[in-house]
Amino acid sequence: RGELAALAWPEAAGTSPEQREALELAVRHRLAAHEVASVLGMAPAAARELLATAACEVERTRAALAVVETGACPGVAHLTGDQGMVLGTTLRRELVRHVDDCPRCRRTAERAVPGRWP
């Protein structure tokens, strides 16, 4: 289980399968964007765009997870429950939507992620 958990990438829960594959190639295998393009059979500009949109979704998820860790919002507590949560696509979507809509959580996310909320 520990090895499987190490392989899991919860921050990528909001990415499409194509975005996740591009991220795997770029992050885990340390390929440059033009190399990712070659592996995926796409134009380099398309690969850069794919990686950029995937990175944005990962940052949004990281910020939402940071909000969860604060435990300061009843809305987040309602979404995550009392027991340990498993971040899947649906829960991730709801958490990010909540952070978008909740002024308190949005401020927390903006503090957690350098720069602006993506």
Protein backbone atom coordinates (compact mmCIF):
# COMPACT_ATOMS: atom_id res chain seq x y z
CA ARG A 1 0.00 0.00 0.00
CA GLY A 2 2.82 2.38 0.80
CA GLU A 3 4.35 1.87 -2.62
CA LEU A 4 0.98 2.39 -4.29
CA ALA A 5 0.43 5.58 -2.29
CA ALA A 6 3.83 6.85 -3.42
CA LEU A 7 2.80 6.25 -7.02
CA ALA A 8 -0.48 8.10 -6.57
CA TRP A 9 -0.50 11.75 -7.52
CA PRO A 10 -3.58 13.25 -5.85
CA GLU A 11 -2.82 16.74 -7.20
CA ALA A 12 -3.40 15.42 -10.71
CA ALA A 13 -6.98 14.35 -9.92
CA GLY A 14 -8.35 17.26 -11.95
CA THR A 15 -6.44 16.51 -15.11
CA SER A 16 -7.63 14.70 -18.21
CA PRO A 17 -5.94 11.42 -19.13
CA GLU A 18 -3.99 13.25 -21.86
CA GLN A 19 -2.87 15.96 -19.42
CA ARG A 20 -1.89 13.36 -16.84
CA GLU A 21 0.19 11.47 -19.40
CA ALA A 22 1.96 14.69 -20.42
CA LEU A 23 2.63 15.51 -16.77
CA GLU A 24 3.99 12.02 -16.14
CA LEU A 25 6.37 12.42 -19.06
CA ALA A 26 7.46 15.91 -18.05
CA VAL A 27 7.68 15.49 -14.28
CA ARG A 28 8.44 11.86 -13.57
CA HIS A 29 10.51 11.20 -16.67
CA ARG A 30 11.94 14.73 -16.89
CA LEU A 31 11.21 15.24 -20.57
CA ALA A 32 11.21 18.72 -22.06
CA ALA A 33 8.05 19.99 -23.78
CA HIS A 34 9.40 19.22 -27.26
CA GLU A 35 10.22 15.67 -26.12
CA VAL A 36 6.72 15.27 -24.66
CA ALA A 37 5.38 16.44 -28.03
CA SER A 38 7.43 13.82 -29.82
CA VAL A 39 6.30 11.00 -27.53
CA LEU A 40 2.65 12.03 -27.79
CA GLY A 41 2.82 12.70 -31.54
CA MET A 42 1.78 16.35 -31.39
CA ALA A 43 3.17 19.73 -32.29
CA PRO A 44 5.51 21.29 -29.72
CA ALA A 45 3.14 24.26 -29.25
CA ALA A 46 0.27 21.88 -28.52
CA ALA A 47 2.38 20.02 -25.96
CA ARG A 48 3.34 23.28 -24.24
CA GLU A 49 -0.33 24.28 -24.07
CA LEU A 50 -1.29 20.83 -22.74
CA LEU A 51 1.39 21.03 -20.06
CA ALA A 52 0.39 24.59 -19.12
CA THR A 53 -3.28 23.71 -18.67
CA ALA A 54 -2.36 20.57 -16.72
CA ALA A 55 -0.03 22.57 -14.46
CA CYS A 56 -2.82 25.06 -13.79
CA GLU A 57 -5.17 22.25 -12.71
CA VAL A 58 -2.47 20.77 -10.46
CA GLU A 59 -1.95 24.16 -8.80
CA ARG A 60 -5.70 24.60 -8.28
CA THR A 61 -5.83 21.17 -6.65
CA ARG A 62 -2.81 21.90 -4.44
CA ALA A 63 -4.42 25.10 -3.25
CA ALA A 64 -7.71 23.32 -2.55
CA LEU A 65 -5.85 20.65 -0.56
CA ALA A 66 -4.13 23.40 1.43
CA VAL A 67 -7.58 24.79 2.26
CA VAL A 68 -8.67 21.32 3.43
CA GLU A 69 -5.66 21.13 5.75
CA THR A 70 -6.63 24.37 7.52
CA GLY A 71 -9.96 22.89 8.58
CA ALA A 72 -11.32 26.41 8.96
CA CYS A 73 -14.40 26.18 6.73
CA PRO A 74 -17.56 24.23 7.54
CA GLY A 75 -18.29 23.86 3.81
CA VAL A 76 -14.99 22.07 3.24
CA ALA A 77 -15.57 19.90 6.32
CA HIS A 78 -18.96 18.93 4.89
CA LEU A 79 -17.35 17.92 1.58
CA THR A 80 -14.47 15.96 3.09
CA GLY A 81 -16.20 14.36 6.08
CA ASP A 82 -14.64 13.39 9.38
CA GLN A 83 -12.64 10.41 8.20
CA GLY A 84 -9.68 10.44 5.86
CA MET A 85 -10.68 11.47 2.38
CA VAL A 86 -9.69 9.93 -0.91
CA LEU A 87 -9.31 12.66 -3.49
CA GLY A 88 -11.04 11.54 -6.64
CA THR A 89 -12.16 13.54 -9.64
CA THR A 90 -15.61 14.33 -8.25
CA LEU A 91 -14.42 15.43 -4.80
CA ARG A 92 -11.63 17.47 -6.37
CA ARG A 93 -14.12 19.23 -8.65
CA GLU A 94 -16.38 20.06 -5.68
CA LEU A 95 -13.46 21.30 -3.56
CA VAL A 96 -12.10 23.55 -6.30
CA ARG A 97 -15.60 24.86 -7.00
CA HIS A 98 -16.04 25.59 -3.30
CA VAL A 99 -12.70 27.44 -3.15
CA ASP A 100 -13.75 29.46 -6.20
CA ASP A 101 -17.05 30.43 -4.54
CA CYS A 102 -16.12 30.81 -0.85
CA PRO A 103 -14.35 34.11 -0.05
CA ARG A 104 -12.74 32.67 3.10
CA CYS A 105 -11.38 29.61 1.32
CA ARG A 106 -10.26 31.66 -1.66
CA ARG A 107 -8.15 33.88 0.62
CA THR A 108 -6.66 30.77 2.23
CA ALA A 109 -5.86 29.33 -1.21
CA GLU A 110 -4.26 32.58 -2.34
CA ARG A 111 -2.02 32.53 0.73
CA ALA A 112 -1.16 28.87 0.21
CA VAL A 113 -0.13 29.22 -3.43
CA PRO A 114 2.32 31.98 -4.34
CA GLY A 115 0.80 34.45 -6.76
CA ARG A 116 -2.85 34.51 -7.71
CA TRP A 117 -5.41 31.71 -7.40
CA PRO A 118 -5.11 30.00 -10.79
